[in-house]
Amino acid sequence: MSDNNGQDGPQRSWLSKVGGLFSAEPSNMQELTDLLQDAADRELFDNDALNIIFGALAVSDMQVRDIMVPRSQLVCVRAGTRPDDFLPTIIESSHSRFPVIGDDMDDVRGILHAKDMLPLLLVDDWSDFDIKDCMRAAAVVPESKRLNVLLQDFRANRNHMAVVIDEYGHISGAVTIEDVLEQIVGEIDDEYDVDEEGLIKEIEPDVFNIKAMTDVDEFNDYFETDFSDDEADTIGGLVLKAFGHLPKRGETARLGDFEFRVLNADSRRIRLLRMQRSS
């Protein structure tokens, strides 16, 4: 049992400080964010916590159309195809969920989970295969749906992916729970990502992992180069321009004396690059 003589002093002090922030109730979002920023400046909580709070506030003002994977970039499985036709697509894409479509992209029949396909790898005879036995119902949401409401729906229905429709009922894209969470906590890194201490990490002599968000100026300073930032602010933008299309993981492009290989990219952007400098 705690007493009132200071045994929980640090905790009480922290709560008192946070409570004191709202002694004058903020009347708009700007005043609220100013109060939160002031609290972080006074080290009541760290910047990571502040960014998460700001991210949580931001999703209430964002709509599905702001973050969805557009229709043109969806990787789909066509109903009626055999596993030996679509399994290479599943393996190559490295995604975990795929819309199943009928005659065209607007005819979504369901969602196929890659993990449900694993038992098929051990099957020699697929003559009795019916994709209906594997796919799950597709959640459908409008482009205008607020992200905070979508996140609640994902949690309540235990869905991780939804198909997005426009005002005319046509499929305009897809959105996942990871897409929403990244708006709150930032990018969800995978095993290829460098740590948070730096955007550039040397792997071995003349070989580096570079986050695509690295500013061109920072890259120039680090490697004593003179790439222009007139057409792109980040090194990822320059590499994207060199490709001329959104590359997949493993594709390479050359800028001057540097070869860039894509280590991590999603359906909208490059995230991480492996760069090798010519000797």
C-alpha atoms as a PDB file:
ATOM      1  CA  MET A   1       0.000   0.000   0.000  1.00  0.00           C
ATOM      2  CA  SER A   2       1.303   3.410  -0.867  1.00  0.00           C
ATOM      3  CA  ASP A   3       1.299   6.233   1.645  1.00  0.00           C
ATOM      4  CA  ASN A   4       0.955   9.971   1.290  1.00  0.00           C
ATOM      5  CA  ASN A   5       4.442  10.773   2.550  1.00  0.00           C
ATOM      6  CA  GLY A   6       6.294  10.689  -0.740  1.00  0.00           C
ATOM      7  CA  GLN A   7       6.818   6.983  -1.430  1.00  0.00           C
ATOM      8  CA  ASP A   8       5.175   7.378  -4.816  1.00  0.00           C
ATOM      9  CA  GLY A   9       6.611  10.847  -5.278  1.00  0.00           C
ATOM     10  CA  PRO A  10       8.051  10.407  -8.785  1.00  0.00           C
ATOM     11  CA  GLN A  11       4.811   8.916 -10.110  1.00  0.00           C
ATOM     12  CA  ARG A  12       2.638  11.543  -8.427  1.00  0.00           C
ATOM     13  CA  SER A  13       4.943  14.295  -9.694  1.00  0.00           C
ATOM     14  CA  TRP A  14       4.716  13.019 -13.287  1.00  0.00           C
ATOM     15  CA  LEU A  15       0.925  12.750 -13.137  1.00  0.00           C
ATOM     16  CA  SER A  16       0.659  16.186 -11.569  1.00  0.00           C
ATOM     17  CA  LYS A  17       2.752  17.706 -14.343  1.00  0.00           C
ATOM     18  CA  VAL A  18       0.721  16.048 -17.082  1.00  0.00           C
ATOM     19  CA  GLY A  19      -2.506  17.039 -15.361  1.00  0.00           C
ATOM     20  CA  GLY A  20      -1.257  20.579 -15.061  1.00  0.00           C
ATOM     21  CA  LEU A  21      -0.947  20.809 -18.813  1.00  0.00           C
ATOM     22  CA  PHE A  22      -4.686  20.795 -19.124  1.00  0.00           C
ATOM     23  CA  SER A  23      -5.536  23.199 -16.303  1.00  0.00           C
ATOM     24  CA  ALA A  24      -6.531  25.499 -19.145  1.00  0.00           C
ATOM     25  CA  GLU A  25      -8.496  23.350 -21.574  1.00  0.00           C
ATOM     26  CA  PRO A  26      -7.242  23.702 -25.186  1.00  0.00           C
ATOM     27  CA  SER A  27      -9.918  25.082 -27.482  1.00  0.00           C
ATOM     28  CA  ASN A  28      -8.561  23.744 -30.792  1.00  0.00           C
ATOM     29  CA  MET A  29      -6.161  21.201 -32.238  1.00  0.00           C
ATOM     30  CA  GLN A  30      -3.307  23.685 -32.583  1.00  0.00           C
ATOM     31  CA  GLU A  31      -3.463  24.576 -28.889  1.00  0.00           C
ATOM     32  CA  LEU A  32      -3.512  20.877 -28.015  1.00  0.00           C
ATOM     33  CA  THR A  33      -0.474  20.079 -30.130  1.00  0.00           C
ATOM     34  CA  ASP A  34       1.339  23.110 -28.705  1.00  0.00           C
ATOM     35  CA  LEU A  35       0.684  21.817 -25.180  1.00  0.00           C
ATOM     36  CA  LEU A  36       1.926  18.347 -26.079  1.00  0.00           C
ATOM     37  CA  GLN A  37       5.042  19.747 -27.737  1.00  0.00           C
ATOM     38  CA  ASP A  38       5.718  21.862 -24.668  1.00  0.00           C
ATOM     39  CA  ALA A  39       5.388  18.776 -22.477  1.00  0.00           C
ATOM     40  CA  ALA A  40       7.931  16.917 -24.618  1.00  0.00           C
ATOM     41  CA  ASP A  41      10.268  19.922 -24.512  1.00  0.00           C
ATOM     42  CA  ARG A  42      10.077  19.763 -20.716  1.00  0.00           C
ATOM     43  CA  GLU A  43      10.858  16.009 -20.904  1.00  0.00           C
ATOM     44  CA  LEU A  44       7.575  14.848 -19.401  1.00  0.00           C
ATOM     45  CA  PHE A  45       7.743  12.209 -22.134  1.00  0.00           C
ATOM     46  CA  ASP A  46      10.143  11.530 -24.993  1.00  0.00           C
ATOM     47  CA  ASN A  47       9.880  12.405 -28.664  1.00  0.00           C
ATOM     48  CA  ASP A  48       8.938   8.860 -29.646  1.00  0.00           C
ATOM     49  CA  ALA A  49       5.867   9.063 -27.425  1.00  0.00           C
ATOM     50  CA  LEU A  50       5.085  12.514 -28.822  1.00  0.00           C
ATOM     51  CA  ASN A  51       5.255  11.249 -32.401  1.00  0.00           C
ATOM     52  CA  ILE A  52       2.888   8.394 -31.572  1.00  0.00           C
ATOM     53  CA  ILE A  53       0.428  10.818 -29.968  1.00  0.00           C
ATOM     54  CA  PHE A  54       0.623  13.106 -32.996  1.00  0.00           C
ATOM     55  CA  GLY A  55       0.167  10.097 -35.278  1.00  0.00           C
ATOM     56  CA  ALA A  56      -2.909   8.971 -33.348  1.00  0.00           C
ATOM     57  CA  LEU A  57      -4.369  12.455 -33.630  1.00  0.00           C
ATOM     58  CA  ALA A  58      -3.583  12.615 -37.339  1.00  0.00           C
ATOM     59  CA  VAL A  59      -5.451   9.441 -38.320  1.00  0.00           C
ATOM     60  CA  SER A  60      -8.747  11.004 -37.260  1.00  0.00           C
ATOM     61  CA  ASP A  61      -8.224  13.583 -40.026  1.00  0.00           C
ATOM     62  CA  MET A  62      -7.041  11.115 -42.667  1.00  0.00           C
ATOM     63  CA  GLN A  63      -9.121   9.031 -45.024  1.00  0.00           C
ATOM     64  CA  VAL A  64      -8.503   5.639 -46.595  1.00  0.00           C
ATOM     65  CA  ARG A  65      -7.758   7.268 -49.964  1.00  0.00           C
ATOM     66  CA  ASP A  66      -4.736   8.958 -48.354  1.00  0.00           C
ATOM     67  CA  ILE A  67      -2.868   5.708 -47.690  1.00  0.00           C
ATOM     68  CA  MET A  68      -4.412   2.948 -49.807  1.00  0.00           C
ATOM     69  CA  VAL A  69      -2.469   0.856 -52.294  1.00  0.00           C
ATOM     70  CA  PRO A  70      -3.903   2.022 -55.646  1.00  0.00           C
ATOM     71  CA  ARG A  71      -5.734  -0.354 -57.949  1.00  0.00           C
ATOM     72  CA  SER A  72      -2.932  -0.335 -60.531  1.00  0.00           C
ATOM     73  CA  GLN A  73      -0.458  -1.733 -57.981  1.00  0.00           C
ATOM     74  CA  LEU A  74      -2.586  -4.490 -56.463  1.00  0.00           C
ATOM     75  CA  VAL A  75      -1.311  -8.053 -56.744  1.00  0.00           C
ATOM     76  CA  CYS A  76      -4.375 -10.227 -57.290  1.00  0.00           C
ATOM     77  CA  VAL A  77      -5.211 -13.883 -57.792  1.00  0.00           C
ATOM     78  CA  ARG A  78      -7.793 -14.773 -60.407  1.00  0.00           C
ATOM     79  CA  ALA A  79     -10.583 -17.139 -59.400  1.00  0.00           C
ATOM     80  CA  GLY A  80     -10.593 -20.370 -61.356  1.00  0.00           C
ATOM     81  CA  THR A  81      -6.807 -20.594 -61.697  1.00  0.00           C
ATOM     82  CA  ARG A  82      -4.831 -23.556 -60.417  1.00  0.00           C
ATOM     83  CA  PRO A  83      -2.300 -23.275 -57.581  1.00  0.00           C
ATOM     84  CA  ASP A  84       0.599 -23.951 -59.932  1.00  0.00           C
ATOM     85  CA  ASP A  85      -0.463 -20.820 -61.837  1.00  0.00           C
ATOM     86  CA  PHE A  86      -0.740 -18.418 -58.896  1.00  0.00           C
ATOM     87  CA  LEU A  87       1.698 -19.787 -56.297  1.00  0.00           C
ATOM     88  CA  PRO A  88       4.724 -18.250 -58.103  1.00  0.00           C
ATOM     89  CA  THR A  89       2.991 -14.853 -57.900  1.00  0.00           C
ATOM     90  CA  ILE A  90       2.384 -15.272 -54.171  1.00  0.00           C
ATOM     91  CA  ILE A  91       5.979 -16.305 -53.530  1.00  0.00           C
ATOM     92  CA  GLU A  92       7.504 -13.556 -55.676  1.00  0.00           C
ATOM     93  CA  SER A  93       5.402 -10.716 -54.232  1.00  0.00           C
ATOM     94  CA  SER A  94       6.143 -11.626 -50.591  1.00  0.00           C
ATOM     95  CA  HIS A  95       2.721 -10.263 -49.578  1.00  0.00           C
ATOM     96  CA  SER A  96       0.560 -12.073 -47.057  1.00  0.00           C
ATOM     97  CA  ARG A  97      -2.928 -11.325 -48.474  1.00  0.00           C
ATOM     98  CA  PHE A  98      -4.292 -11.152 -52.015  1.00  0.00           C
ATOM     99  CA  PRO A  99      -7.651 -10.075 -53.434  1.00  0.00           C
ATOM    100  CA  VAL A 100      -9.276 -12.850 -55.447  1.00  0.00           C
ATOM    101  CA  ILE A 101     -10.966 -11.459 -58.560  1.00  0.00           C
ATOM    102  CA  GLY A 102     -13.348 -12.857 -61.149  1.00  0.00           C
ATOM    103  CA  ASP A 103     -13.822 -11.437 -64.629  1.00  0.00           C
ATOM    104  CA  ASP A 104     -12.165  -8.091 -63.835  1.00  0.00           C
ATOM    105  CA  MET A 105     -10.737  -5.994 -60.998  1.00  0.00           C
ATOM    106  CA  ASP A 106     -14.201  -4.826 -59.949  1.00  0.00           C
ATOM    107  CA  ASP A 107     -15.309  -8.419 -59.364  1.00  0.00           C
ATOM    108  CA  VAL A 108     -13.642  -9.158 -56.020  1.00  0.00           C
ATOM    109  CA  ARG A 109     -14.664 -12.579 -54.729  1.00  0.00           C
ATOM    110  CA  GLY A 110     -12.664 -12.691 -51.504  1.00  0.00           C
ATOM    111  CA  ILE A 111      -9.220 -12.487 -49.874  1.00  0.00           C
ATOM    112  CA  LEU A 112      -6.620 -15.235 -50.104  1.00  0.00           C
ATOM    113  CA  HIS A 113      -4.144 -15.620 -47.220  1.00  0.00           C
ATOM    114  CA  ALA A 114      -0.710 -16.857 -48.243  1.00  0.00           C
ATOM    115  CA  LYS A 115      -0.439 -18.992 -45.108  1.00  0.00           C
ATOM    116  CA  ASP A 116      -3.532 -20.933 -46.187  1.00  0.00           C
ATOM    117  CA  MET A 117      -1.611 -21.987 -49.294  1.00  0.00           C
ATOM    118  CA  LEU A 118       1.257 -23.633 -47.422  1.00  0.00           C
ATOM    119  CA  PRO A 119      -0.409 -27.087 -47.254  1.00  0.00           C
ATOM    120  CA  LEU A 120      -0.771 -27.003 -51.053  1.00  0.00           C
ATOM    121  CA  LEU A 121       2.991 -27.134 -51.441  1.00  0.00           C
ATOM    122  CA  LEU A 122       2.834 -30.758 -50.292  1.00  0.00           C
ATOM    123  CA  VAL A 123      -0.003 -31.741 -52.632  1.00  0.00           C
ATOM    124  CA  ASP A 124       0.778 -33.439 -55.950  1.00  0.00           C
ATOM    125  CA  ASP A 125      -2.767 -33.621 -57.333  1.00  0.00           C
ATOM    126  CA  TRP A 126      -4.703 -30.339 -57.533  1.00  0.00           C
ATOM    127  CA  SER A 127      -7.543 -31.656 -59.673  1.00  0.00           C
ATOM    128  CA  ASP A 128     -10.044 -31.175 -56.824  1.00  0.00           C
ATOM    129  CA  PHE A 129      -8.788 -27.733 -55.840  1.00  0.00           C
ATOM    130  CA  ASP A 130     -11.371 -24.969 -55.528  1.00  0.00           C
ATOM    131  CA  ILE A 131     -10.140 -21.544 -54.448  1.00  0.00           C
ATOM    132  CA  LYS A 132     -13.493 -20.941 -52.757  1.00  0.00           C
ATOM    133  CA  ASP A 133     -12.429 -23.425 -50.084  1.00  0.00           C
ATOM    134  CA  CYS A 134      -9.391 -21.285 -49.220  1.00  0.00           C
ATOM    135  CA  MET A 135     -10.399 -17.663 -49.622  1.00  0.00           C
ATOM    136  CA  ARG A 136     -12.076 -15.568 -46.947  1.00  0.00           C
ATOM    137  CA  ALA A 137     -14.723 -12.876 -47.187  1.00  0.00           C
ATOM    138  CA  ALA A 138     -13.449  -9.506 -48.363  1.00  0.00           C
ATOM    139  CA  ALA A 139     -14.083  -6.446 -46.209  1.00  0.00           C
ATOM    140  CA  VAL A 140     -15.107  -3.493 -48.382  1.00  0.00           C
ATOM    141  CA  VAL A 141     -14.671   0.144 -47.329  1.00  0.00           C
ATOM    142  CA  PRO A 142     -15.191   3.480 -49.105  1.00  0.00           C
ATOM    143  CA  GLU A 143     -12.301   5.792 -49.944  1.00  0.00           C
ATOM    144  CA  SER A 144     -13.749   8.395 -47.597  1.00  0.00           C
ATOM    145  CA  LYS A 145     -13.652   6.229 -44.469  1.00  0.00           C
ATOM    146  CA  ARG A 146     -11.689   7.800 -41.615  1.00  0.00           C
ATOM    147  CA  LEU A 147      -8.591   5.867 -40.582  1.00  0.00           C
ATOM    148  CA  ASN A 148      -9.450   5.877 -36.883  1.00  0.00           C
ATOM    149  CA  VAL A 149     -12.826   4.290 -37.678  1.00  0.00           C
ATOM    150  CA  LEU A 150     -11.177   1.795 -40.035  1.00  0.00           C
ATOM    151  CA  LEU A 151      -8.728   0.774 -37.315  1.00  0.00           C
ATOM    152  CA  GLN A 152     -11.613   0.156 -34.927  1.00  0.00           C
ATOM    153  CA  ASP A 153     -13.320  -1.982 -37.582  1.00  0.00           C
ATOM    154  CA  PHE A 154     -10.132  -3.973 -38.199  1.00  0.00           C
ATOM    155  CA  ARG A 155      -9.829  -4.699 -34.490  1.00  0.00           C
ATOM    156  CA  ALA A 156     -13.500  -5.539 -33.994  1.00  0.00           C
ATOM    157  CA  ASN A 157     -13.729  -7.842 -37.026  1.00  0.00           C
ATOM    158  CA  ARG A 158     -10.184  -9.170 -36.827  1.00  0.00           C
ATOM    159  CA  ASN A 159      -9.537  -8.220 -40.427  1.00  0.00           C
ATOM    160  CA  HIS A 160      -6.124  -7.149 -41.642  1.00  0.00           C
ATOM    161  CA  MET A 161      -7.042  -6.065 -45.158  1.00  0.00           C
ATOM    162  CA  ALA A 162      -9.934  -4.287 -46.841  1.00  0.00           C
ATOM    163  CA  VAL A 163     -10.804  -3.624 -50.470  1.00  0.00           C
ATOM    164  CA  VAL A 164     -11.441   0.053 -51.202  1.00  0.00           C
ATOM    165  CA  ILE A 165     -14.224   1.282 -53.500  1.00  0.00           C
ATOM    166  CA  ASP A 166     -14.864   4.705 -54.998  1.00  0.00           C
ATOM    167  CA  GLU A 167     -18.165   6.586 -55.096  1.00  0.00           C
ATOM    168  CA  TYR A 168     -19.297   4.571 -58.129  1.00  0.00           C
ATOM    169  CA  GLY A 169     -18.622   1.218 -56.488  1.00  0.00           C
ATOM    170  CA  HIS A 170     -15.502   0.457 -58.522  1.00  0.00           C
ATOM    171  CA  ILE A 171     -12.413  -0.996 -56.859  1.00  0.00           C
ATOM    172  CA  SER A 172      -9.887   1.781 -56.347  1.00  0.00           C
ATOM    173  CA  GLY A 173      -7.334  -0.005 -54.165  1.00  0.00           C
ATOM    174  CA  ALA A 174      -6.749  -1.865 -50.923  1.00  0.00           C
ATOM    175  CA  VAL A 175      -5.656  -0.970 -47.406  1.00  0.00           C
ATOM    176  CA  THR A 176      -4.145  -3.035 -44.592  1.00  0.00           C
ATOM    177  CA  ILE A 177      -3.990  -2.638 -40.843  1.00  0.00           C
ATOM    178  CA  GLU A 178      -0.217  -2.151 -41.187  1.00  0.00           C
ATOM    179  CA  ASP A 179      -0.838   0.849 -43.461  1.00  0.00           C
ATOM    180  CA  VAL A 180      -2.928   2.434 -40.700  1.00  0.00           C
ATOM    181  CA  LEU A 181      -0.548   1.590 -37.871  1.00  0.00           C
ATOM    182  CA  GLU A 182       2.373   3.082 -39.785  1.00  0.00           C
ATOM    183  CA  GLN A 183       0.573   6.421 -39.737  1.00  0.00           C
ATOM    184  CA  ILE A 184       0.680   6.224 -35.930  1.00  0.00           C
ATOM    185  CA  VAL A 185       3.988   4.613 -35.066  1.00  0.00           C
ATOM    186  CA  GLY A 186       5.967   5.254 -38.242  1.00  0.00           C
ATOM    187  CA  GLU A 187       7.341   2.716 -40.677  1.00  0.00           C
ATOM    188  CA  ILE A 188       7.236  -0.865 -39.437  1.00  0.00           C
ATOM    189  CA  ASP A 189      10.757  -2.044 -40.219  1.00  0.00           C
ATOM    190  CA  ASP A 190      11.732  -5.501 -41.351  1.00  0.00           C
ATOM    191  CA  GLU A 191      14.970  -7.467 -41.065  1.00  0.00           C
ATOM    192  CA  TYR A 192      16.632  -5.422 -43.787  1.00  0.00           C
ATOM    193  CA  ASP A 193      16.228  -2.066 -42.065  1.00  0.00           C
ATOM    194  CA  VAL A 194      19.069  -0.140 -40.499  1.00  0.00           C
ATOM    195  CA  ASP A 195      18.768   0.964 -36.910  1.00  0.00           C
ATOM    196  CA  GLU A 196      17.298   4.313 -35.887  1.00  0.00           C
ATOM    197  CA  GLU A 197      20.672   5.854 -35.041  1.00  0.00           C
ATOM    198  CA  GLY A 198      21.495   6.735 -38.627  1.00  0.00           C
ATOM    199  CA  LEU A 199      20.229   6.872 -42.167  1.00  0.00           C
ATOM    200  CA  ILE A 200      23.511   5.590 -43.617  1.00  0.00           C
ATOM    201  CA  LYS A 201      25.213   2.453 -42.303  1.00  0.00           C
ATOM    202  CA  GLU A 202      28.419   0.934 -43.621  1.00  0.00           C
ATOM    203  CA  ILE A 203      28.129  -2.833 -44.053  1.00  0.00           C
ATOM    204  CA  GLU A 204      31.621  -3.433 -45.415  1.00  0.00           C
ATOM    205  CA  PRO A 205      34.161  -1.294 -47.279  1.00  0.00           C
ATOM    206  CA  ASP A 206      32.352   0.630 -50.034  1.00  0.00           C
ATOM    207  CA  VAL A 207      29.028  -1.101 -49.282  1.00  0.00           C
ATOM    208  CA  PHE A 208      26.289   0.737 -47.373  1.00  0.00           C
ATOM    209  CA  ASN A 209      22.671   0.406 -46.333  1.00  0.00           C
ATOM    210  CA  ILE A 210      20.918   3.719 -46.928  1.00  0.00           C
ATOM    211  CA  LYS A 211      17.400   4.694 -45.982  1.00  0.00           C
ATOM    212  CA  ALA A 212      15.597   6.118 -48.972  1.00  0.00           C
ATOM    213  CA  MET A 213      14.462   9.126 -46.924  1.00  0.00           C
ATOM    214  CA  THR A 214      18.080  10.338 -46.664  1.00  0.00           C
ATOM    215  CA  ASP A 215      18.341  13.921 -47.919  1.00  0.00           C
ATOM    216  CA  VAL A 216      20.405  14.415 -51.055  1.00  0.00           C
ATOM    217  CA  ASP A 217      22.456  17.053 -49.223  1.00  0.00           C
ATOM    218  CA  GLU A 218      23.223  14.602 -46.412  1.00  0.00           C
ATOM    219  CA  PHE A 219      24.238  11.962 -48.936  1.00  0.00           C
ATOM    220  CA  ASN A 220      26.494  14.478 -50.699  1.00  0.00           C
ATOM    221  CA  ASP A 221      28.141  15.489 -47.429  1.00  0.00           C
ATOM    222  CA  TYR A 222      28.761  11.887 -46.408  1.00  0.00           C
ATOM    223  CA  PHE A 223      30.155  10.641 -49.735  1.00  0.00           C
ATOM    224  CA  GLU A 224      31.594  13.927 -51.040  1.00  0.00           C
ATOM    225  CA  THR A 225      29.380  13.876 -54.110  1.00  0.00           C
ATOM    226  CA  ASP A 226      27.480  16.629 -55.880  1.00  0.00           C
ATOM    227  CA  PHE A 227      24.099  15.129 -56.824  1.00  0.00           C
ATOM    228  CA  SER A 228      21.507  17.834 -57.499  1.00  0.00           C
ATOM    229  CA  ASP A 229      18.390  18.142 -55.350  1.00  0.00           C
ATOM    230  CA  ASP A 230      16.513  20.134 -57.995  1.00  0.00           C
ATOM    231  CA  GLU A 231      14.324  17.172 -59.004  1.00  0.00           C
ATOM    232  CA  ALA A 232      14.270  15.171 -55.750  1.00  0.00           C
ATOM    233  CA  ASP A 233      14.912  15.977 -52.104  1.00  0.00           C
ATOM    234  CA  THR A 234      15.903  12.459 -51.080  1.00  0.00           C
ATOM    235  CA  ILE A 235      18.259   9.821 -52.404  1.00  0.00           C
ATOM    236  CA  GLY A 236      15.259   7.528 -52.790  1.00  0.00           C
ATOM    237  CA  GLY A 237      13.699  10.083 -55.111  1.00  0.00           C
ATOM    238  CA  LEU A 238      16.827  10.228 -57.260  1.00  0.00           C
ATOM    239  CA  VAL A 239      16.999   6.440 -57.482  1.00  0.00           C
ATOM    240  CA  LEU A 240      13.302   6.262 -58.336  1.00  0.00           C
ATOM    241  CA  LYS A 241      13.895   8.707 -61.184  1.00  0.00           C
ATOM    242  CA  ALA A 242      16.767   6.546 -62.418  1.00  0.00           C
ATOM    243  CA  PHE A 243      14.519   3.494 -62.501  1.00  0.00           C
ATOM    244  CA  GLY A 244      11.680   5.312 -64.243  1.00  0.00           C
ATOM    245  CA  HIS A 245       9.201   3.083 -62.412  1.00  0.00           C
ATOM    246  CA  LEU A 246       8.504   1.878 -58.883  1.00  0.00           C
ATOM    247  CA  PRO A 247      11.059  -0.928 -58.481  1.00  0.00           C
ATOM    248  CA  LYS A 248      10.648  -4.221 -56.672  1.00  0.00           C
ATOM    249  CA  ARG A 249      13.029  -5.630 -54.096  1.00  0.00           C
ATOM    250  CA  GLY A 250      16.257  -6.761 -55.746  1.00  0.00           C
ATOM    251  CA  GLU A 251      16.205  -4.398 -58.725  1.00  0.00           C
ATOM    252  CA  THR A 252      19.320  -2.294 -59.310  1.00  0.00           C
ATOM    253  CA  ALA A 253      20.059   1.123 -60.795  1.00  0.00           C
ATOM    254  CA  ARG A 254      23.241   3.146 -61.222  1.00  0.00           C
ATOM    255  CA  LEU A 255      23.896   6.786 -60.378  1.00  0.00           C
ATOM    256  CA  GLY A 256      27.401   7.889 -61.294  1.00  0.00           C
ATOM    257  CA  ASP A 257      29.888   5.628 -59.517  1.00  0.00           C
ATOM    258  CA  PHE A 258      27.229   4.122 -57.280  1.00  0.00           C
ATOM    259  CA  GLU A 259      25.071   1.046 -57.802  1.00  0.00           C
ATOM    260  CA  PHE A 260      21.850   0.950 -55.783  1.00  0.00           C
ATOM    261  CA  ARG A 261      19.919  -2.251 -55.084  1.00  0.00           C
ATOM    262  CA  VAL A 262      16.445  -2.111 -53.565  1.00  0.00           C
ATOM    263  CA  LEU A 263      16.336  -4.024 -50.274  1.00  0.00           C
ATOM    264  CA  ASN A 264      12.945  -2.895 -49.061  1.00  0.00           C
ATOM    265  CA  ALA A 265      10.071  -1.359 -51.005  1.00  0.00           C
ATOM    266  CA  ASP A 266       6.318  -1.493 -50.717  1.00  0.00           C
ATOM    267  CA  SER A 267       3.626  -0.709 -53.232  1.00  0.00           C
ATOM    268  CA  ARG A 268       4.074   3.043 -52.919  1.00  0.00           C
ATOM    269  CA  ARG A 269       7.694   3.835 -52.181  1.00  0.00           C
ATOM    270  CA  ILE A 270      11.290   2.694 -51.801  1.00  0.00           C
ATOM    271  CA  ARG A 271      12.329   2.315 -48.169  1.00  0.00           C
ATOM    272  CA  LEU A 272      15.841   0.907 -48.008  1.00  0.00           C
ATOM    273  CA  LEU A 273      18.732   0.678 -50.460  1.00  0.00           C
ATOM    274  CA  ARG A 274      22.005  -1.254 -50.574  1.00  0.00           C
ATOM    275  CA  MET A 275      24.622   0.921 -52.238  1.00  0.00           C
ATOM    276  CA  GLN A 276      28.005  -0.216 -53.571  1.00  0.00           C
ATOM    277  CA  ARG A 277      30.595   2.340 -54.588  1.00  0.00           C
ATOM    278  CA  SER A 278      32.934   1.537 -57.462  1.00  0.00           C
ATOM    279  CA  SER A 279      36.561   1.469 -56.397  1.00  0.00           C
END
